[in-house]
Amino acid sequence: MAGPEIERLIQLLARLPGLGPRSARRAVLHLLKKKDTLLLPLAATLHEVGDNVHACKTCGNLDSRDPCAICTDQRRDETLLCVVESVADLWALERAGVFRGRYHVLGGTLSALDGIGPDDLNVDGLIARMQSGKVREVIIATNATVEGQTTAHYITDRLASQNVQITRLAHGVPVGGELDYLDDGTLGAALKARRPL
């Protein structure tokens, strides 16, 4: 129906979350209609992002500089460290504007079914960050899923020997819910109502 380049673009876009083949086809048609104002700038930006954006070696956030803008922001409270599963969760908390500390991205959760163990997560990086002695509270903000709860308990055990308060987001976050899909009010309330584990 379309040339191989167009079909390849449709196939690639269909791999994105929330897009199936039909939605991808519509997006490609729209991009091609607006080639000069949308397609070409998008292609250039994708290339630039691919070349310049990397994971921050300190926290795991994605940025064009290392350490990232959050890690170098002097206005943030370096005694508070919020542990999240993914960059999407970090961005959700930032979008809500309710947390002014620092972050640590684990890169996933423990999952025996998926073969994800402690060595597959950035837990050692978290332990290393405790050595500075600046962190006084670690807020565990993993999702309210079985894997998130398991990961939270594992992190709590690993941090037990550290002289740090460990808190968890309140249960205002629905069980089975994911931070990236929650509204700002729910995130704010859950963060304010955190309690020790």
C-alpha atoms as a PDB file:
ATOM      1  CA  MET A   1       0.000   0.000   0.000  1.00  0.00           C
ATOM      2  CA  ALA A   2       2.849   2.426   0.860  1.00  0.00           C
ATOM      3  CA  GLY A   3       6.545   2.493   0.095  1.00  0.00           C
ATOM      4  CA  PRO A   4       9.002   0.558   2.290  1.00  0.00           C
ATOM      5  CA  GLU A   5      10.212   3.732   4.046  1.00  0.00           C
ATOM      6  CA  ILE A   6       6.684   4.688   5.048  1.00  0.00           C
ATOM      7  CA  GLU A   7       5.870   1.138   6.162  1.00  0.00           C
ATOM      8  CA  ARG A   8       9.054   1.071   8.263  1.00  0.00           C
ATOM      9  CA  LEU A   9       8.073   4.378   9.932  1.00  0.00           C
ATOM     10  CA  ILE A  10       4.585   3.020  10.647  1.00  0.00           C
ATOM     11  CA  GLN A  11       6.071  -0.144  12.167  1.00  0.00           C
ATOM     12  CA  LEU A  12       8.440   1.860  14.372  1.00  0.00           C
ATOM     13  CA  LEU A  13       5.729   4.248  15.592  1.00  0.00           C
ATOM     14  CA  ALA A  14       3.399   1.302  16.290  1.00  0.00           C
ATOM     15  CA  ARG A  15       5.943   0.084  18.884  1.00  0.00           C
ATOM     16  CA  LEU A  16       5.385   3.190  21.009  1.00  0.00           C
ATOM     17  CA  PRO A  17       3.101   2.881  24.045  1.00  0.00           C
ATOM     18  CA  GLY A  18      -0.485   3.803  23.227  1.00  0.00           C
ATOM     19  CA  LEU A  19      -0.019   3.509  19.476  1.00  0.00           C
ATOM     20  CA  GLY A  20      -1.141   0.553  17.438  1.00  0.00           C
ATOM     21  CA  PRO A  21      -0.769   0.096  13.677  1.00  0.00           C
ATOM     22  CA  ARG A  22      -3.848   2.194  12.842  1.00  0.00           C
ATOM     23  CA  SER A  23      -2.845   5.093  15.093  1.00  0.00           C
ATOM     24  CA  ALA A  24       0.706   4.908  13.772  1.00  0.00           C
ATOM     25  CA  ARG A  25      -0.572   5.067  10.193  1.00  0.00           C
ATOM     26  CA  ARG A  26      -2.625   8.178  11.002  1.00  0.00           C
ATOM     27  CA  ALA A  27       0.387   9.787  12.701  1.00  0.00           C
ATOM     28  CA  VAL A  28       2.601   9.061   9.685  1.00  0.00           C
ATOM     29  CA  LEU A  29       0.060  10.546   7.297  1.00  0.00           C
ATOM     30  CA  HIS A  30      -0.122  13.664   9.462  1.00  0.00           C
ATOM     31  CA  LEU A  31       3.675  13.924   9.598  1.00  0.00           C
ATOM     32  CA  LEU A  32       3.924  13.600   5.820  1.00  0.00           C
ATOM     33  CA  LYS A  33       1.279  16.280   5.262  1.00  0.00           C
ATOM     34  CA  LYS A  34       3.295  18.655   7.446  1.00  0.00           C
ATOM     35  CA  LYS A  35       6.725  17.591   6.251  1.00  0.00           C
ATOM     36  CA  ASP A  36       8.475  20.980   6.582  1.00  0.00           C
ATOM     37  CA  THR A  37       6.860  22.109   9.823  1.00  0.00           C
ATOM     38  CA  LEU A  38       6.628  18.784  11.677  1.00  0.00           C
ATOM     39  CA  LEU A  39       8.360  15.772  10.107  1.00  0.00           C
ATOM     40  CA  LEU A  40      11.768  17.305   9.406  1.00  0.00           C
ATOM     41  CA  PRO A  41      12.030  19.189  12.745  1.00  0.00           C
ATOM     42  CA  LEU A  42      10.911  16.009  14.544  1.00  0.00           C
ATOM     43  CA  ALA A  43      13.552  13.934  12.760  1.00  0.00           C
ATOM     44  CA  ALA A  44      16.249  16.470  13.624  1.00  0.00           C
ATOM     45  CA  THR A  45      15.156  16.598  17.262  1.00  0.00           C
ATOM     46  CA  LEU A  46      15.073  12.795  17.538  1.00  0.00           C
ATOM     47  CA  HIS A  47      18.615  12.665  16.174  1.00  0.00           C
ATOM     48  CA  GLU A  48      19.779  15.375  18.597  1.00  0.00           C
ATOM     49  CA  VAL A  49      18.132  13.670  21.574  1.00  0.00           C
ATOM     50  CA  GLY A  50      19.635  10.329  20.564  1.00  0.00           C
ATOM     51  CA  ASP A  51      23.106  11.857  20.455  1.00  0.00           C
ATOM     52  CA  ASN A  52      22.952  14.085  23.541  1.00  0.00           C
ATOM     53  CA  VAL A  53      20.578  12.652  26.173  1.00  0.00           C
ATOM     54  CA  HIS A  54      22.005  10.104  28.605  1.00  0.00           C
ATOM     55  CA  ALA A  55      21.242   8.718  32.041  1.00  0.00           C
ATOM     56  CA  CYS A  56      22.649  10.797  34.899  1.00  0.00           C
ATOM     57  CA  LYS A  57      25.389   8.803  36.627  1.00  0.00           C
ATOM     58  CA  THR A  58      24.256  10.137  40.009  1.00  0.00           C
ATOM     59  CA  CYS A  59      20.484   9.573  40.001  1.00  0.00           C
ATOM     60  CA  GLY A  60      19.543   7.874  36.718  1.00  0.00           C
ATOM     61  CA  ASN A  61      17.420  10.731  35.331  1.00  0.00           C
ATOM     62  CA  LEU A  62      17.639  11.465  31.611  1.00  0.00           C
ATOM     63  CA  ASP A  63      19.314  14.747  30.672  1.00  0.00           C
ATOM     64  CA  SER A  64      21.783  16.227  28.228  1.00  0.00           C
ATOM     65  CA  ARG A  65      24.235  16.952  31.041  1.00  0.00           C
ATOM     66  CA  ASP A  66      25.769  14.784  33.714  1.00  0.00           C
ATOM     67  CA  PRO A  67      25.062  15.257  36.574  1.00  0.00           C
ATOM     68  CA  CYS A  68      21.536  16.252  35.563  1.00  0.00           C
ATOM     69  CA  ALA A  69      19.765  19.538  36.286  1.00  0.00           C
ATOM     70  CA  ILE A  70      18.020  18.091  39.352  1.00  0.00           C
ATOM     71  CA  CYS A  71      21.263  16.798  40.892  1.00  0.00           C
ATOM     72  CA  THR A  72      23.003  20.137  40.407  1.00  0.00           C
ATOM     73  CA  ASP A  73      20.109  22.331  41.583  1.00  0.00           C
ATOM     74  CA  GLN A  74      21.384  23.955  44.803  1.00  0.00           C
ATOM     75  CA  ARG A  75      17.832  24.902  45.838  1.00  0.00           C
ATOM     76  CA  ARG A  76      16.922  21.250  46.375  1.00  0.00           C
ATOM     77  CA  ASP A  77      17.143  19.589  49.778  1.00  0.00           C
ATOM     78  CA  GLU A  78      20.007  17.102  49.520  1.00  0.00           C
ATOM     79  CA  THR A  79      18.980  15.455  52.800  1.00  0.00           C
ATOM     80  CA  LEU A  80      15.811  14.044  51.170  1.00  0.00           C
ATOM     81  CA  LEU A  81      16.191  11.259  48.615  1.00  0.00           C
ATOM     82  CA  CYS A  82      13.162   9.880  46.775  1.00  0.00           C
ATOM     83  CA  VAL A  83      13.633   6.403  45.293  1.00  0.00           C
ATOM     84  CA  VAL A  84      11.529   5.714  42.187  1.00  0.00           C
ATOM     85  CA  GLU A  85      11.251   2.813  39.768  1.00  0.00           C
ATOM     86  CA  SER A  86      11.635   4.733  36.528  1.00  0.00           C
ATOM     87  CA  VAL A  87      12.339   8.100  34.971  1.00  0.00           C
ATOM     88  CA  ALA A  88       8.610   8.315  34.150  1.00  0.00           C
ATOM     89  CA  ASP A  89       7.891   8.208  37.907  1.00  0.00           C
ATOM     90  CA  LEU A  90      10.493  10.912  38.569  1.00  0.00           C
ATOM     91  CA  TRP A  91       8.918  13.083  35.879  1.00  0.00           C
ATOM     92  CA  ALA A  92       5.444  12.489  37.383  1.00  0.00           C
ATOM     93  CA  LEU A  93       6.609  13.758  40.784  1.00  0.00           C
ATOM     94  CA  GLU A  94       8.346  16.723  39.163  1.00  0.00           C
ATOM     95  CA  ARG A  95       5.230  17.538  37.144  1.00  0.00           C
ATOM     96  CA  ALA A  96       3.201  17.588  40.368  1.00  0.00           C
ATOM     97  CA  GLY A  97       5.707  20.051  41.881  1.00  0.00           C
ATOM     98  CA  VAL A  98       5.383  18.540  45.369  1.00  0.00           C
ATOM     99  CA  PHE A  99       8.938  17.342  46.045  1.00  0.00           C
ATOM    100  CA  ARG A 100      12.059  19.522  46.332  1.00  0.00           C
ATOM    101  CA  GLY A 101      14.635  16.903  47.269  1.00  0.00           C
ATOM    102  CA  ARG A 102      16.814  14.644  45.118  1.00  0.00           C
ATOM    103  CA  TYR A 103      15.946  11.393  43.348  1.00  0.00           C
ATOM    104  CA  HIS A 104      17.322   7.932  42.739  1.00  0.00           C
ATOM    105  CA  VAL A 105      16.002   5.872  39.793  1.00  0.00           C
ATOM    106  CA  LEU A 106      16.155   2.104  40.324  1.00  0.00           C
ATOM    107  CA  GLY A 107      15.505   1.201  36.707  1.00  0.00           C
ATOM    108  CA  GLY A 108      12.686  -1.241  37.481  1.00  0.00           C
ATOM    109  CA  THR A 109      11.426  -3.518  40.237  1.00  0.00           C
ATOM    110  CA  LEU A 110      12.275  -6.959  41.521  1.00  0.00           C
ATOM    111  CA  SER A 111      10.342  -9.606  39.627  1.00  0.00           C
ATOM    112  CA  ALA A 112      11.072 -13.324  39.858  1.00  0.00           C
ATOM    113  CA  LEU A 113       8.673 -14.005  36.971  1.00  0.00           C
ATOM    114  CA  ASP A 114      10.563 -11.624  34.671  1.00  0.00           C
ATOM    115  CA  GLY A 115      13.970 -12.707  35.967  1.00  0.00           C
ATOM    116  CA  ILE A 116      14.766  -9.282  37.447  1.00  0.00           C
ATOM    117  CA  GLY A 117      16.888  -9.579  40.555  1.00  0.00           C
ATOM    118  CA  PRO A 118      18.722  -7.089  42.791  1.00  0.00           C
ATOM    119  CA  ASP A 119      21.748  -6.987  40.471  1.00  0.00           C
ATOM    120  CA  ASP A 120      19.510  -5.750  37.635  1.00  0.00           C
ATOM    121  CA  LEU A 121      18.477  -2.658  39.615  1.00  0.00           C
ATOM    122  CA  ASN A 122      20.508   0.370  40.685  1.00  0.00           C
ATOM    123  CA  VAL A 123      20.395  -0.554  44.376  1.00  0.00           C
ATOM    124  CA  ASP A 124      24.185  -0.547  44.795  1.00  0.00           C
ATOM    125  CA  GLY A 125      24.214   3.040  43.497  1.00  0.00           C
ATOM    126  CA  LEU A 126      21.652   3.924  46.172  1.00  0.00           C
ATOM    127  CA  ILE A 127      23.782   2.365  48.909  1.00  0.00           C
ATOM    128  CA  ALA A 128      26.824   4.238  47.596  1.00  0.00           C
ATOM    129  CA  ARG A 129      24.920   7.527  47.784  1.00  0.00           C
ATOM    130  CA  MET A 130      24.303   6.893  51.502  1.00  0.00           C
ATOM    131  CA  GLN A 131      28.068   6.998  52.147  1.00  0.00           C
ATOM    132  CA  SER A 132      28.107  10.805  51.846  1.00  0.00           C
ATOM    133  CA  GLY A 133      26.203  11.016  55.138  1.00  0.00           C
ATOM    134  CA  LYS A 134      24.101  13.911  53.819  1.00  0.00           C
ATOM    135  CA  VAL A 135      20.864  11.952  53.323  1.00  0.00           C
ATOM    136  CA  ARG A 136      18.685  11.867  56.430  1.00  0.00           C
ATOM    137  CA  GLU A 137      15.469  10.486  54.861  1.00  0.00           C
ATOM    138  CA  VAL A 138      14.906   8.030  52.031  1.00  0.00           C
ATOM    139  CA  ILE A 139      11.384   8.147  50.620  1.00  0.00           C
ATOM    140  CA  ILE A 140      10.530   4.922  48.832  1.00  0.00           C
ATOM    141  CA  ALA A 141       8.155   5.823  46.013  1.00  0.00           C
ATOM    142  CA  THR A 142       7.843   2.527  44.190  1.00  0.00           C
ATOM    143  CA  ASN A 143       4.494   1.736  42.615  1.00  0.00           C
ATOM    144  CA  ALA A 144       1.768   0.120  44.719  1.00  0.00           C
ATOM    145  CA  THR A 145       2.102  -3.205  42.895  1.00  0.00           C
ATOM    146  CA  VAL A 146       3.316  -6.566  44.214  1.00  0.00           C
ATOM    147  CA  GLU A 147       6.687  -5.951  42.545  1.00  0.00           C
ATOM    148  CA  GLY A 148       6.831  -2.399  43.911  1.00  0.00           C
ATOM    149  CA  GLN A 149       6.068  -3.583  47.441  1.00  0.00           C
ATOM    150  CA  THR A 150       8.662  -6.366  47.182  1.00  0.00           C
ATOM    151  CA  THR A 151      11.262  -3.885  45.968  1.00  0.00           C
ATOM    152  CA  ALA A 152      10.391  -1.460  48.792  1.00  0.00           C
ATOM    153  CA  HIS A 153      10.913  -4.185  51.408  1.00  0.00           C
ATOM    154  CA  TYR A 154      14.202  -5.222  49.804  1.00  0.00           C
ATOM    155  CA  ILE A 155      15.482  -1.615  49.832  1.00  0.00           C
ATOM    156  CA  THR A 156      14.372  -1.203  53.449  1.00  0.00           C
ATOM    157  CA  ASP A 157      16.386  -4.274  54.407  1.00  0.00           C
ATOM    158  CA  ARG A 158      19.446  -3.048  52.488  1.00  0.00           C
ATOM    159  CA  LEU A 159      19.270   0.380  54.164  1.00  0.00           C
ATOM    160  CA  ALA A 160      18.714  -0.995  57.676  1.00  0.00           C
ATOM    161  CA  SER A 161      22.354  -0.463  58.669  1.00  0.00           C
ATOM    162  CA  GLN A 162      22.355   3.157  57.475  1.00  0.00           C
ATOM    163  CA  ASN A 163      21.642   6.005  59.856  1.00  0.00           C
ATOM    164  CA  VAL A 164      18.670   7.216  57.809  1.00  0.00           C
ATOM    165  CA  GLN A 165      14.908   7.451  58.234  1.00  0.00           C
ATOM    166  CA  ILE A 166      13.029   5.340  55.677  1.00  0.00           C
ATOM    167  CA  THR A 167       9.518   6.367  54.675  1.00  0.00           C
ATOM    168  CA  ARG A 168       7.076   5.159  52.038  1.00  0.00           C
ATOM    169  CA  LEU A 169       4.397   6.977  50.075  1.00  0.00           C
ATOM    170  CA  ALA A 170       1.035   6.807  51.827  1.00  0.00           C
ATOM    171  CA  HIS A 171      -1.559   4.336  50.670  1.00  0.00           C
ATOM    172  CA  GLY A 172      -3.513   7.075  48.911  1.00  0.00           C
ATOM    173  CA  VAL A 173      -1.885   5.682  45.803  1.00  0.00           C
ATOM    174  CA  PRO A 174      -4.261   2.963  44.574  1.00  0.00           C
ATOM    175  CA  VAL A 175      -3.081  -0.642  44.738  1.00  0.00           C
ATOM    176  CA  GLY A 176      -2.004  -1.650  41.270  1.00  0.00           C
ATOM    177  CA  GLY A 177      -1.646   2.021  40.317  1.00  0.00           C
ATOM    178  CA  GLU A 178       1.412   3.544  38.704  1.00  0.00           C
ATOM    179  CA  LEU A 179       2.783   6.987  39.563  1.00  0.00           C
ATOM    180  CA  ASP A 180       2.972   8.113  35.952  1.00  0.00           C
ATOM    181  CA  TYR A 181      -0.837   7.795  35.601  1.00  0.00           C
ATOM    182  CA  LEU A 182      -1.874   9.571  38.819  1.00  0.00           C
ATOM    183  CA  ASP A 183      -3.111  13.141  39.031  1.00  0.00           C
ATOM    184  CA  ASP A 184      -1.036  15.817  40.745  1.00  0.00           C
ATOM    185  CA  GLY A 185      -3.364  16.067  43.757  1.00  0.00           C
ATOM    186  CA  THR A 186      -3.140  12.352  44.523  1.00  0.00           C
ATOM    187  CA  LEU A 187       0.645  12.420  44.212  1.00  0.00           C
ATOM    188  CA  GLY A 188       0.884  15.469  46.485  1.00  0.00           C
ATOM    189  CA  ALA A 189      -1.380  13.961  49.139  1.00  0.00           C
ATOM    190  CA  ALA A 190       0.456  10.638  49.066  1.00  0.00           C
ATOM    191  CA  LEU A 191       3.854  12.319  49.426  1.00  0.00           C
ATOM    192  CA  LYS A 192       2.682  14.488  52.357  1.00  0.00           C
ATOM    193  CA  ALA A 193       1.138  11.480  54.155  1.00  0.00           C
ATOM    194  CA  ARG A 194       4.239   9.275  53.943  1.00  0.00           C
ATOM    195  CA  ARG A 195       5.120   7.246  57.033  1.00  0.00           C
ATOM    196  CA  PRO A 196       7.971   5.054  58.295  1.00  0.00           C
ATOM    197  CA  LEU A 197       8.031   1.418  57.215  1.00  0.00           C
END
